[in-house]
Amino acid sequence: MSVGNGKAGMLPKAKKALGQNFLQDKNIAAKIVRTLHIAPQDAVLEIGPGPGALTGWVMQASPARLVLVEKDNALAFTRMQAERGDFTGKLQVVLADALTMPWNQFTSPWKFVGNLPYNVASPLMWDIVSQASGLERAVFMVQKEVAQRIVAHPETGAYGALSVWLQSFCRAKLEFVVPPQVFVPRPKVDSAVVSFVPHPAGTYSFCPVSLAKTIKICFQMRRKQLGTILRLSGLNAGVLELLGISPQLRPEALPVATFHLLASALFARK
């Protein structure tokens, strides 16, 4: 979801194909940026700056560097022309699809922020938290339902593959809910802002490739029992009892750390 400058009359026409809904509430934009906790030495990357509501507040925080990643050619050009004079030497505008960004190249400390399009938010967050080793903090606005899945606990209906994956890398917190009426055009659902802080080194030990395979297999058949899921997938269901996991449990019953153990047992390197 892109952002606007707070004046609905001046907003460009939103492109449905790009999932654009422009935020026009300055107070909410400022609150999102405050949640990022920008310091003078920080490098900040904003995904989908659109007309620039968040961008202005980020610039007021005076980070050492600001990168704007915008897929919309016209909006990228607009941002380049509007901001360059005020942020000379610190601003870089990148015309790119965030889904194709080389996130594994972000190895030095970075903070990420953005109002993410609903249709790409989950895969974007999936890649960023697992590939950007320099991630220091991230703040994203997403659909409220997705936010609830991100922070969900075991034994709840919202708990799933996205919950396990993101919580394996970061501590996620639902910061606040944003109503539809502050956007142009209005989405049909509420949004929510979620913050991410990477776990300290050594909190978890797991193979990301094995974990991704495990949680995708398990939650594709989340209504079935774990023993049945593994057998249907051609995997060794015997590892469940070896790990002290009841084969009668369903995937949503397993805590994040238990998924790590299961992934290691199922896909141990030969």
C-alpha atoms as a PDB file:
ATOM      1  CA  MET A   1       0.000   0.000   0.000  1.00  0.00           C
ATOM      2  CA  SER A   2       1.537   3.317  -1.047  1.00  0.00           C
ATOM      3  CA  VAL A   3       1.360   6.601   0.790  1.00  0.00           C
ATOM      4  CA  GLY A   4       0.194  10.107   0.068  1.00  0.00           C
ATOM      5  CA  ASN A   5       1.014  13.648   1.108  1.00  0.00           C
ATOM      6  CA  GLY A   6      -2.025  14.300   3.284  1.00  0.00           C
ATOM      7  CA  LYS A   7      -3.995  16.304   0.694  1.00  0.00           C
ATOM      8  CA  ALA A   8      -6.451  14.085  -1.119  1.00  0.00           C
ATOM      9  CA  GLY A   9      -6.915  16.636  -3.903  1.00  0.00           C
ATOM     10  CA  MET A  10      -3.236  16.470  -4.814  1.00  0.00           C
ATOM     11  CA  LEU A  11      -2.896  12.705  -4.826  1.00  0.00           C
ATOM     12  CA  PRO A  12      -2.164  10.907  -8.094  1.00  0.00           C
ATOM     13  CA  LYS A  13      -4.658   8.359  -9.346  1.00  0.00           C
ATOM     14  CA  ALA A  14      -4.086   5.055  -7.565  1.00  0.00           C
ATOM     15  CA  LYS A  15      -3.226   2.086  -9.758  1.00  0.00           C
ATOM     16  CA  LYS A  16      -5.222  -0.967  -8.737  1.00  0.00           C
ATOM     17  CA  ALA A  17      -2.740  -3.319 -10.424  1.00  0.00           C
ATOM     18  CA  LEU A  18      -0.030  -2.091  -8.046  1.00  0.00           C
ATOM     19  CA  GLY A  19      -2.231  -2.295  -4.963  1.00  0.00           C
ATOM     20  CA  GLN A  20      -2.011   1.452  -4.374  1.00  0.00           C
ATOM     21  CA  ASN A  21      -4.052   3.097  -1.603  1.00  0.00           C
ATOM     22  CA  PHE A  22      -2.605   6.433  -0.557  1.00  0.00           C
ATOM     23  CA  LEU A  23      -2.357   7.295   3.125  1.00  0.00           C
ATOM     24  CA  GLN A  24      -3.572  10.845   3.712  1.00  0.00           C
ATOM     25  CA  ASP A  25      -3.408  11.137   7.507  1.00  0.00           C
ATOM     26  CA  LYS A  26      -0.288  13.015   8.612  1.00  0.00           C
ATOM     27  CA  ASN A  27      -0.598  11.947  12.244  1.00  0.00           C
ATOM     28  CA  ILE A  28      -0.629   8.265  11.340  1.00  0.00           C
ATOM     29  CA  ALA A  29       2.281   8.733   8.925  1.00  0.00           C
ATOM     30  CA  ALA A  30       4.293  10.436  11.668  1.00  0.00           C
ATOM     31  CA  LYS A  31       3.390   7.683  14.142  1.00  0.00           C
ATOM     32  CA  ILE A  32       4.587   4.981  11.725  1.00  0.00           C
ATOM     33  CA  VAL A  33       7.940   6.701  11.289  1.00  0.00           C
ATOM     34  CA  ARG A  34       8.345   7.291  15.036  1.00  0.00           C
ATOM     35  CA  THR A  35       7.873   3.561  15.529  1.00  0.00           C
ATOM     36  CA  LEU A  36      10.983   2.974  13.392  1.00  0.00           C
ATOM     37  CA  HIS A  37      13.145   4.767  16.002  1.00  0.00           C
ATOM     38  CA  ILE A  38      15.424   6.497  13.490  1.00  0.00           C
ATOM     39  CA  ALA A  39      18.813   7.694  14.763  1.00  0.00           C
ATOM     40  CA  PRO A  40      21.242  10.058  12.946  1.00  0.00           C
ATOM     41  CA  GLN A  41      23.597   7.209  12.010  1.00  0.00           C
ATOM     42  CA  ASP A  42      20.866   5.005  10.506  1.00  0.00           C
ATOM     43  CA  ALA A  43      20.461   3.832   6.933  1.00  0.00           C
ATOM     44  CA  VAL A  44      16.749   3.645   6.098  1.00  0.00           C
ATOM     45  CA  LEU A  45      15.028   1.958   3.158  1.00  0.00           C
ATOM     46  CA  GLU A  46      11.406   2.758   2.378  1.00  0.00           C
ATOM     47  CA  ILE A  47       9.387   0.369   0.227  1.00  0.00           C
ATOM     48  CA  GLY A  48       6.735   1.966  -1.982  1.00  0.00           C
ATOM     49  CA  PRO A  49       7.067   5.643  -0.989  1.00  0.00           C
ATOM     50  CA  GLY A  50       4.335   6.691  -3.431  1.00  0.00           C
ATOM     51  CA  PRO A  51       3.555  10.407  -3.112  1.00  0.00           C
ATOM     52  CA  GLY A  52       5.764  10.577  -0.028  1.00  0.00           C
ATOM     53  CA  ALA A  53       3.804  10.854   3.227  1.00  0.00           C
ATOM     54  CA  LEU A  54       6.238   8.651   5.139  1.00  0.00           C
ATOM     55  CA  THR A  55       9.250   9.958   3.235  1.00  0.00           C
ATOM     56  CA  GLY A  56       8.876  13.476   4.576  1.00  0.00           C
ATOM     57  CA  TRP A  57       8.786  12.280   8.180  1.00  0.00           C
ATOM     58  CA  VAL A  58      11.771   9.997   7.600  1.00  0.00           C
ATOM     59  CA  MET A  59      13.738  12.937   6.215  1.00  0.00           C
ATOM     60  CA  GLN A  60      12.800  15.064   9.229  1.00  0.00           C
ATOM     61  CA  ALA A  61      14.399  12.381  11.416  1.00  0.00           C
ATOM     62  CA  SER A  62      17.665  13.006   9.484  1.00  0.00           C
ATOM     63  CA  PRO A  63      19.053   9.501   8.943  1.00  0.00           C
ATOM     64  CA  ALA A  64      22.524   9.194   7.447  1.00  0.00           C
ATOM     65  CA  ARG A  65      21.099   7.576   4.319  1.00  0.00           C
ATOM     66  CA  LEU A  66      17.687   7.050   2.730  1.00  0.00           C
ATOM     67  CA  VAL A  67      16.848   4.669  -0.116  1.00  0.00           C
ATOM     68  CA  LEU A  68      13.388   4.748  -1.723  1.00  0.00           C
ATOM     69  CA  VAL A  69      12.302   1.651  -3.672  1.00  0.00           C
ATOM     70  CA  GLU A  70       9.377   2.414  -5.973  1.00  0.00           C
ATOM     71  CA  LYS A  71       7.900   0.178  -8.683  1.00  0.00           C
ATOM     72  CA  ASP A  72       5.713   2.894 -10.223  1.00  0.00           C
ATOM     73  CA  ASN A  73       7.838   4.677 -12.832  1.00  0.00           C
ATOM     74  CA  ALA A  74       5.946   7.979 -12.583  1.00  0.00           C
ATOM     75  CA  LEU A  75       6.024   8.065  -8.777  1.00  0.00           C
ATOM     76  CA  ALA A  76       9.720   7.170  -8.693  1.00  0.00           C
ATOM     77  CA  PHE A  77      10.481  10.114 -10.984  1.00  0.00           C
ATOM     78  CA  THR A  78       8.297  12.395  -8.863  1.00  0.00           C
ATOM     79  CA  ARG A  79      10.091  11.397  -5.691  1.00  0.00           C
ATOM     80  CA  MET A  80      13.483  11.927  -7.289  1.00  0.00           C
ATOM     81  CA  GLN A  81      12.566  15.445  -8.396  1.00  0.00           C
ATOM     82  CA  ALA A  82      10.782  16.427  -5.179  1.00  0.00           C
ATOM     83  CA  GLU A  83      13.278  15.209  -2.614  1.00  0.00           C
ATOM     84  CA  ARG A  84      16.728  15.443  -4.145  1.00  0.00           C
ATOM     85  CA  GLY A  85      17.209  19.154  -3.409  1.00  0.00           C
ATOM     86  CA  ASP A  86      16.294  18.768   0.260  1.00  0.00           C
ATOM     87  CA  PHE A  87      18.329  15.641   0.946  1.00  0.00           C
ATOM     88  CA  THR A  88      21.379  16.034  -1.294  1.00  0.00           C
ATOM     89  CA  GLY A  89      23.924  13.256  -0.955  1.00  0.00           C
ATOM     90  CA  LYS A  90      21.756  11.153   1.350  1.00  0.00           C
ATOM     91  CA  LEU A  91      18.912  10.081  -0.934  1.00  0.00           C
ATOM     92  CA  GLN A  92      18.789   7.329  -3.547  1.00  0.00           C
ATOM     93  CA  VAL A  93      15.636   6.530  -5.527  1.00  0.00           C
ATOM     94  CA  VAL A  94      15.540   3.014  -6.967  1.00  0.00           C
ATOM     95  CA  LEU A  95      13.006   2.107  -9.650  1.00  0.00           C
ATOM     96  CA  ALA A  96      12.431  -1.566  -8.852  1.00  0.00           C
ATOM     97  CA  ASP A  97       9.966  -4.197  -7.752  1.00  0.00           C
ATOM     98  CA  ALA A  98      10.714  -4.871  -4.079  1.00  0.00           C
ATOM     99  CA  LEU A  99       9.938  -8.560  -4.663  1.00  0.00           C
ATOM    100  CA  THR A 100      13.047  -8.797  -6.849  1.00  0.00           C
ATOM    101  CA  MET A 101      15.400  -6.819  -4.602  1.00  0.00           C
ATOM    102  CA  PRO A 102      18.636  -8.610  -3.617  1.00  0.00           C
ATOM    103  CA  TRP A 103      17.864  -8.501   0.112  1.00  0.00           C
ATOM    104  CA  ASN A 104      20.862 -10.735   0.868  1.00  0.00           C
ATOM    105  CA  GLN A 105      23.113  -7.809  -0.063  1.00  0.00           C
ATOM    106  CA  PHE A 106      21.861  -5.782   2.907  1.00  0.00           C
ATOM    107  CA  THR A 107      24.526  -6.989   5.309  1.00  0.00           C
ATOM    108  CA  SER A 108      25.300  -3.732   7.125  1.00  0.00           C
ATOM    109  CA  PRO A 109      22.763  -2.265   9.594  1.00  0.00           C
ATOM    110  CA  TRP A 110      19.508  -1.131   7.933  1.00  0.00           C
ATOM    111  CA  LYS A 111      16.050  -0.087   9.012  1.00  0.00           C
ATOM    112  CA  PHE A 112      13.102  -0.814   6.695  1.00  0.00           C
ATOM    113  CA  VAL A 113       9.725   0.887   6.538  1.00  0.00           C
ATOM    114  CA  GLY A 114       6.755   0.846   4.209  1.00  0.00           C
ATOM    115  CA  ASN A 115       3.043   0.493   3.671  1.00  0.00           C
ATOM    116  CA  LEU A 116       3.081  -2.800   1.808  1.00  0.00           C
ATOM    117  CA  PRO A 117       0.569  -3.723  -0.903  1.00  0.00           C
ATOM    118  CA  TYR A 118      -1.751  -6.373   0.491  1.00  0.00           C
ATOM    119  CA  ASN A 119      -1.061  -8.812  -2.353  1.00  0.00           C
ATOM    120  CA  VAL A 120       2.726  -8.902  -1.882  1.00  0.00           C
ATOM    121  CA  ALA A 121       3.167  -8.146   1.821  1.00  0.00           C
ATOM    122  CA  SER A 122       3.626 -11.739   3.001  1.00  0.00           C
ATOM    123  CA  PRO A 123       6.278 -12.825   0.466  1.00  0.00           C
ATOM    124  CA  LEU A 124       8.098  -9.501   0.916  1.00  0.00           C
ATOM    125  CA  MET A 125       8.354  -9.883   4.688  1.00  0.00           C
ATOM    126  CA  TRP A 126       9.234 -13.571   4.276  1.00  0.00           C
ATOM    127  CA  ASP A 127      12.255 -12.630   2.145  1.00  0.00           C
ATOM    128  CA  ILE A 128      13.397  -9.561   4.068  1.00  0.00           C
ATOM    129  CA  VAL A 129      13.567 -11.130   7.540  1.00  0.00           C
ATOM    130  CA  SER A 130      15.349 -14.239   6.256  1.00  0.00           C
ATOM    131  CA  GLN A 131      17.732 -12.690   3.728  1.00  0.00           C
ATOM    132  CA  ALA A 132      18.678  -9.215   4.994  1.00  0.00           C
ATOM    133  CA  SER A 133      21.266 -10.093   7.624  1.00  0.00           C
ATOM    134  CA  GLY A 134      21.756  -6.401   8.382  1.00  0.00           C
ATOM    135  CA  LEU A 135      18.131  -5.915   9.416  1.00  0.00           C
ATOM    136  CA  GLU A 136      18.108  -3.839  12.584  1.00  0.00           C
ATOM    137  CA  ARG A 137      14.441  -2.914  12.773  1.00  0.00           C
ATOM    138  CA  ALA A 138      11.482  -2.885  10.388  1.00  0.00           C
ATOM    139  CA  VAL A 139       8.038  -1.292  10.537  1.00  0.00           C
ATOM    140  CA  PHE A 140       5.424  -2.302   7.970  1.00  0.00           C
ATOM    141  CA  MET A 141       1.759  -1.525   7.483  1.00  0.00           C
ATOM    142  CA  VAL A 142      -0.162  -4.559   6.251  1.00  0.00           C
ATOM    143  CA  GLN A 143      -3.710  -5.863   6.214  1.00  0.00           C
ATOM    144  CA  LYS A 144      -4.930  -6.298   9.804  1.00  0.00           C
ATOM    145  CA  GLU A 145      -5.639  -9.992   9.242  1.00  0.00           C
ATOM    146  CA  VAL A 146      -2.049 -10.533   8.091  1.00  0.00           C
ATOM    147  CA  ALA A 147      -0.742  -8.630  11.113  1.00  0.00           C
ATOM    148  CA  GLN A 148      -2.735 -10.899  13.398  1.00  0.00           C
ATOM    149  CA  ARG A 149      -1.238 -13.956  11.677  1.00  0.00           C
ATOM    150  CA  ILE A 150       2.275 -12.558  12.093  1.00  0.00           C
ATOM    151  CA  VAL A 151       2.001 -12.221  15.873  1.00  0.00           C
ATOM    152  CA  ALA A 152      -0.257 -15.253  16.464  1.00  0.00           C
ATOM    153  CA  HIS A 153       0.492 -17.828  19.152  1.00  0.00           C
ATOM    154  CA  PRO A 154       0.179 -21.630  18.905  1.00  0.00           C
ATOM    155  CA  GLU A 155      -3.248 -23.145  19.450  1.00  0.00           C
ATOM    156  CA  THR A 156      -4.951 -20.293  17.595  1.00  0.00           C
ATOM    157  CA  GLY A 157      -6.572 -20.232  14.174  1.00  0.00           C
ATOM    158  CA  ALA A 158      -4.356 -17.366  12.986  1.00  0.00           C
ATOM    159  CA  TYR A 159      -1.148 -19.287  13.720  1.00  0.00           C
ATOM    160  CA  GLY A 160       0.407 -20.649  10.553  1.00  0.00           C
ATOM    161  CA  ALA A 161       3.432 -20.817   8.282  1.00  0.00           C
ATOM    162  CA  LEU A 162       3.874 -17.032   8.202  1.00  0.00           C
ATOM    163  CA  SER A 163       3.730 -16.864  12.007  1.00  0.00           C
ATOM    164  CA  VAL A 164       6.387 -19.549  12.458  1.00  0.00           C
ATOM    165  CA  TRP A 165       8.674 -18.183   9.759  1.00  0.00           C
ATOM    166  CA  LEU A 166       8.691 -14.537  10.810  1.00  0.00           C
ATOM    167  CA  GLN A 167       8.848 -15.330  14.519  1.00  0.00           C
ATOM    168  CA  SER A 168      11.844 -17.597  13.848  1.00  0.00           C
ATOM    169  CA  PHE A 169      13.869 -14.559  12.804  1.00  0.00           C
ATOM    170  CA  CYS A 170      12.289 -11.640  14.657  1.00  0.00           C
ATOM    171  CA  ARG A 171      10.263 -10.505  17.605  1.00  0.00           C
ATOM    172  CA  ALA A 172       7.107  -9.138  16.002  1.00  0.00           C
ATOM    173  CA  LYS A 173       4.727  -6.689  17.662  1.00  0.00           C
ATOM    174  CA  LEU A 174       1.375  -5.386  16.440  1.00  0.00           C
ATOM    175  CA  GLU A 175       1.788  -1.677  17.154  1.00  0.00           C
ATOM    176  CA  PHE A 176      -1.607  -0.212  16.197  1.00  0.00           C
ATOM    177  CA  VAL A 177      -4.587  -0.585  13.862  1.00  0.00           C
ATOM    178  CA  VAL A 178      -5.298   1.852  11.007  1.00  0.00           C
ATOM    179  CA  PRO A 179      -8.892   2.354   9.751  1.00  0.00           C
ATOM    180  CA  PRO A 180      -9.816   2.381   6.046  1.00  0.00           C
ATOM    181  CA  GLN A 181     -11.024   6.000   5.971  1.00  0.00           C
ATOM    182  CA  VAL A 182      -7.494   7.455   6.129  1.00  0.00           C
ATOM    183  CA  PHE A 183      -6.688   6.093   2.653  1.00  0.00           C
ATOM    184  CA  VAL A 184      -7.585   7.183  -0.864  1.00  0.00           C
ATOM    185  CA  PRO A 185      -9.133   5.063  -2.252  1.00  0.00           C
ATOM    186  CA  ARG A 186     -10.467   3.350   0.852  1.00  0.00           C
ATOM    187  CA  PRO A 187      -9.600  -0.333   1.223  1.00  0.00           C
ATOM    188  CA  LYS A 188     -12.396  -2.625   2.375  1.00  0.00           C
ATOM    189  CA  VAL A 189     -10.530  -3.815   5.466  1.00  0.00           C
ATOM    190  CA  ASP A 190      -8.538  -2.437   8.383  1.00  0.00           C
ATOM    191  CA  SER A 191      -4.771  -2.190   8.233  1.00  0.00           C
ATOM    192  CA  ALA A 192      -2.260  -2.589  11.053  1.00  0.00           C
ATOM    193  CA  VAL A 193       1.324  -1.564  11.714  1.00  0.00           C
ATOM    194  CA  VAL A 194       3.756  -4.274  12.808  1.00  0.00           C
ATOM    195  CA  SER A 195       7.321  -3.827  14.053  1.00  0.00           C
ATOM    196  CA  PHE A 196      10.103  -6.389  13.728  1.00  0.00           C
ATOM    197  CA  VAL A 197      13.304  -6.672  15.756  1.00  0.00           C
ATOM    198  CA  PRO A 198      15.729  -9.541  14.990  1.00  0.00           C
ATOM    199  CA  HIS A 199      16.339 -12.050  17.751  1.00  0.00           C
ATOM    200  CA  PRO A 200      19.729 -11.829  19.459  1.00  0.00           C
ATOM    201  CA  ALA A 201      22.330 -14.151  17.967  1.00  0.00           C
ATOM    202  CA  GLY A 202      21.989 -17.660  19.347  1.00  0.00           C
ATOM    203  CA  THR A 203      18.286 -17.389  20.232  1.00  0.00           C
ATOM    204  CA  TYR A 204      17.429 -20.094  17.700  1.00  0.00           C
ATOM    205  CA  SER A 205      19.511 -22.507  15.637  1.00  0.00           C
ATOM    206  CA  PHE A 206      17.882 -23.918  12.504  1.00  0.00           C
ATOM    207  CA  CYS A 207      18.343 -24.425   8.774  1.00  0.00           C
ATOM    208  CA  PRO A 208      16.069 -21.943   6.940  1.00  0.00           C
ATOM    209  CA  VAL A 209      15.683 -24.226   3.920  1.00  0.00           C
ATOM    210  CA  SER A 210      14.588 -27.165   6.091  1.00  0.00           C
ATOM    211  CA  LEU A 211      12.264 -24.984   8.136  1.00  0.00           C
ATOM    212  CA  ALA A 212      10.587 -23.549   5.027  1.00  0.00           C
ATOM    213  CA  LYS A 213       9.948 -27.053   3.685  1.00  0.00           C
ATOM    214  CA  THR A 214       8.575 -28.261   7.009  1.00  0.00           C
ATOM    215  CA  ILE A 215       6.138 -25.471   7.733  1.00  0.00           C
ATOM    216  CA  LYS A 216       4.833 -25.383   4.162  1.00  0.00           C
ATOM    217  CA  ILE A 217       4.173 -29.132   4.227  1.00  0.00           C
ATOM    218  CA  CYS A 218       2.538 -29.001   7.633  1.00  0.00           C
ATOM    219  CA  PHE A 219       0.288 -25.988   7.130  1.00  0.00           C
ATOM    220  CA  GLN A 220      -0.849 -27.019   3.655  1.00  0.00           C
ATOM    221  CA  MET A 221      -2.702 -29.783   5.478  1.00  0.00           C
ATOM    222  CA  ARG A 222      -3.232 -28.000   8.785  1.00  0.00           C
ATOM    223  CA  ARG A 223      -6.557 -29.742   9.492  1.00  0.00           C
ATOM    224  CA  LYS A 224      -4.895 -33.151   9.535  1.00  0.00           C
ATOM    225  CA  GLN A 225      -2.828 -34.698  12.319  1.00  0.00           C
ATOM    226  CA  LEU A 226       0.948 -34.425  12.091  1.00  0.00           C
ATOM    227  CA  GLY A 227       1.459 -38.164  11.745  1.00  0.00           C
ATOM    228  CA  THR A 228      -0.930 -38.275   8.802  1.00  0.00           C
ATOM    229  CA  ILE A 229       0.640 -35.202   7.186  1.00  0.00           C
ATOM    230  CA  LEU A 230       4.134 -36.687   7.267  1.00  0.00           C
ATOM    231  CA  ARG A 231       3.026 -40.056   5.936  1.00  0.00           C
ATOM    232  CA  LEU A 232       1.059 -38.462   3.086  1.00  0.00           C
ATOM    233  CA  SER A 233       4.133 -36.372   2.267  1.00  0.00           C
ATOM    234  CA  GLY A 234       6.397 -39.430   2.132  1.00  0.00           C
ATOM    235  CA  LEU A 235       8.314 -38.366   5.222  1.00  0.00           C
ATOM    236  CA  ASN A 236       9.319 -40.365   8.283  1.00  0.00           C
ATOM    237  CA  ALA A 237       6.496 -39.959  10.782  1.00  0.00           C
ATOM    238  CA  GLY A 238       8.577 -41.849  13.328  1.00  0.00           C
ATOM    239  CA  VAL A 239      10.588 -38.723  14.098  1.00  0.00           C
ATOM    240  CA  LEU A 240       7.579 -37.318  15.939  1.00  0.00           C
ATOM    241  CA  GLU A 241       7.747 -39.832  18.746  1.00  0.00           C
ATOM    242  CA  LEU A 242      11.547 -39.544  18.841  1.00  0.00           C
ATOM    243  CA  LEU A 243      11.091 -35.822  19.506  1.00  0.00           C
ATOM    244  CA  GLY A 244       8.310 -36.393  22.030  1.00  0.00           C
ATOM    245  CA  ILE A 245       5.655 -34.947  19.711  1.00  0.00           C
ATOM    246  CA  SER A 246       2.290 -36.699  19.641  1.00  0.00           C
ATOM    247  CA  PRO A 247       1.382 -37.792  16.077  1.00  0.00           C
ATOM    248  CA  GLN A 248      -2.210 -36.835  16.894  1.00  0.00           C
ATOM    249  CA  LEU A 249      -1.359 -33.139  17.244  1.00  0.00           C
ATOM    250  CA  ARG A 250      -2.129 -30.689  14.474  1.00  0.00           C
ATOM    251  CA  PRO A 251       0.465 -28.191  13.165  1.00  0.00           C
ATOM    252  CA  GLU A 252      -1.028 -25.218  14.994  1.00  0.00           C
ATOM    253  CA  ALA A 253      -0.194 -26.901  18.324  1.00  0.00           C
ATOM    254  CA  LEU A 254       3.587 -26.737  17.813  1.00  0.00           C
ATOM    255  CA  PRO A 255       5.596 -23.774  19.151  1.00  0.00           C
ATOM    256  CA  VAL A 256       8.197 -22.131  16.902  1.00  0.00           C
ATOM    257  CA  ALA A 257      11.141 -23.874  18.577  1.00  0.00           C
ATOM    258  CA  THR A 258       9.513 -27.284  18.105  1.00  0.00           C
ATOM    259  CA  PHE A 259       9.167 -26.644  14.385  1.00  0.00           C
ATOM    260  CA  HIS A 260      12.920 -26.045  14.310  1.00  0.00           C
ATOM    261  CA  LEU A 261      13.549 -29.434  15.909  1.00  0.00           C
ATOM    262  CA  LEU A 262      11.114 -31.152  13.560  1.00  0.00           C
ATOM    263  CA  ALA A 263      12.688 -29.538  10.494  1.00  0.00           C
ATOM    264  CA  SER A 264      16.138 -30.663  11.573  1.00  0.00           C
ATOM    265  CA  ALA A 265      14.941 -34.234  12.134  1.00  0.00           C
ATOM    266  CA  LEU A 266      13.035 -34.457   8.854  1.00  0.00           C
ATOM    267  CA  PHE A 267      15.664 -32.902   6.622  1.00  0.00           C
ATOM    268  CA  ALA A 268      18.919 -33.652   8.406  1.00  0.00           C
ATOM    269  CA  ARG A 269      21.923 -33.280   6.115  1.00  0.00           C
ATOM    270  CA  LYS A 270      23.331 -36.578   4.989  1.00  0.00           C
END
